[in-house]
């Protein structure tokens, strides 16, 4: 039996069936995407399909910004 790989909380596989939606973005419309050789990058949610084509494998929410 092959187990599913462990993903940290709020980290999702980036594929055509599970693209992030507008309600997943921060107040600037951004999400974070991951590629093994680059690491995490902050992008616009509308660019997710383009980054999927560039072999990014996971996405997550951007962290909250610190306020004064």
Protein backbone atom coordinates (compact mmCIF):
# COMPACT_ATOMS: atom_id res chain seq x y z
CA UNK A 1 0.00 0.00 0.00
CA UNK A 2 1.42 3.37 -1.03
CA UNK A 3 0.73 6.22 1.39
CA UNK A 4 0.02 9.74 0.24
CA UNK A 5 2.97 12.08 0.74
CA UNK A 6 2.73 14.28 3.81
CA UNK A 7 1.92 17.93 3.10
CA UNK A 8 2.13 20.63 5.76
CA UNK A 9 -1.13 22.27 6.80
CA UNK A 10 -2.53 24.68 4.19
CA UNK A 11 -0.18 23.46 1.43
CA UNK A 12 -1.96 22.15 -1.65
CA UNK A 13 -0.88 20.34 -4.81
CA UNK A 14 -1.03 22.67 -7.80
CA UNK A 15 -2.84 21.03 -10.70
CA UNK A 16 -5.61 21.90 -13.14
CA UNK A 17 -8.23 20.30 -10.88
CA UNK A 18 -7.27 22.26 -7.77
CA UNK A 19 -6.25 25.75 -8.81
CA UNK A 20 -6.53 28.42 -6.12
CA UNK A 21 -9.68 30.54 -6.24
CA UNK A 22 -10.06 34.27 -5.67
CA UNK A 23 -11.21 33.70 -2.08
CA UNK A 24 -7.86 31.96 -1.37
CA UNK A 25 -5.86 35.14 -1.98
CA UNK A 26 -4.65 37.80 0.41
CA UNK A 27 -5.99 41.35 0.23
CA UNK A 28 -3.66 42.03 -2.72
CA UNK A 29 -4.85 39.03 -4.77
CA UNK A 30 -1.63 37.05 -4.14
CA UNK A 31 -0.82 33.42 -3.35
CA UNK A 32 2.47 31.54 -2.99
CA UNK A 33 3.61 28.78 -5.36
CA UNK A 34 6.46 26.30 -4.93
CA UNK A 35 9.01 24.68 -7.24
CA UNK A 36 11.76 22.48 -5.82
CA UNK A 37 14.70 24.28 -7.44
CA UNK A 38 13.36 27.80 -6.77
CA UNK A 39 11.42 27.55 -3.52
CA UNK A 40 8.40 29.71 -2.72
CA UNK A 41 7.35 32.63 -4.95
CA UNK A 42 4.55 35.15 -4.42
CA UNK A 43 2.34 35.53 -7.51
CA UNK A 44 -1.06 36.82 -8.54
CA UNK A 45 -3.76 34.18 -8.30
CA UNK A 46 -4.65 34.84 -11.94
CA UNK A 47 -1.14 33.66 -12.97
CA UNK A 48 -1.49 30.22 -11.33
CA UNK A 49 -2.05 28.39 -14.65
CA UNK A 50 1.12 29.94 -16.08
CA UNK A 51 3.16 28.83 -13.07
CA UNK A 52 1.66 25.34 -13.30
CA UNK A 53 3.01 25.21 -16.87
CA UNK A 54 6.41 26.27 -15.49
CA UNK A 55 6.42 23.11 -13.31
CA UNK A 56 5.48 24.64 -9.95
CA UNK A 57 4.02 21.84 -7.85
CA UNK A 58 2.31 23.34 -4.78
CA UNK A 59 0.48 26.45 -3.63
CA UNK A 60 -0.43 28.02 -0.31
CA UNK A 61 -1.86 31.18 1.21
CA UNK A 62 0.40 34.18 1.76
CA UNK A 63 1.10 34.86 5.43
CA UNK A 64 -0.63 37.76 7.13
CA UNK A 65 1.26 41.02 6.97
CA UNK A 66 2.41 42.44 10.30
CA UNK A 67 0.63 45.60 11.38
CA UNK A 68 1.95 48.39 13.59
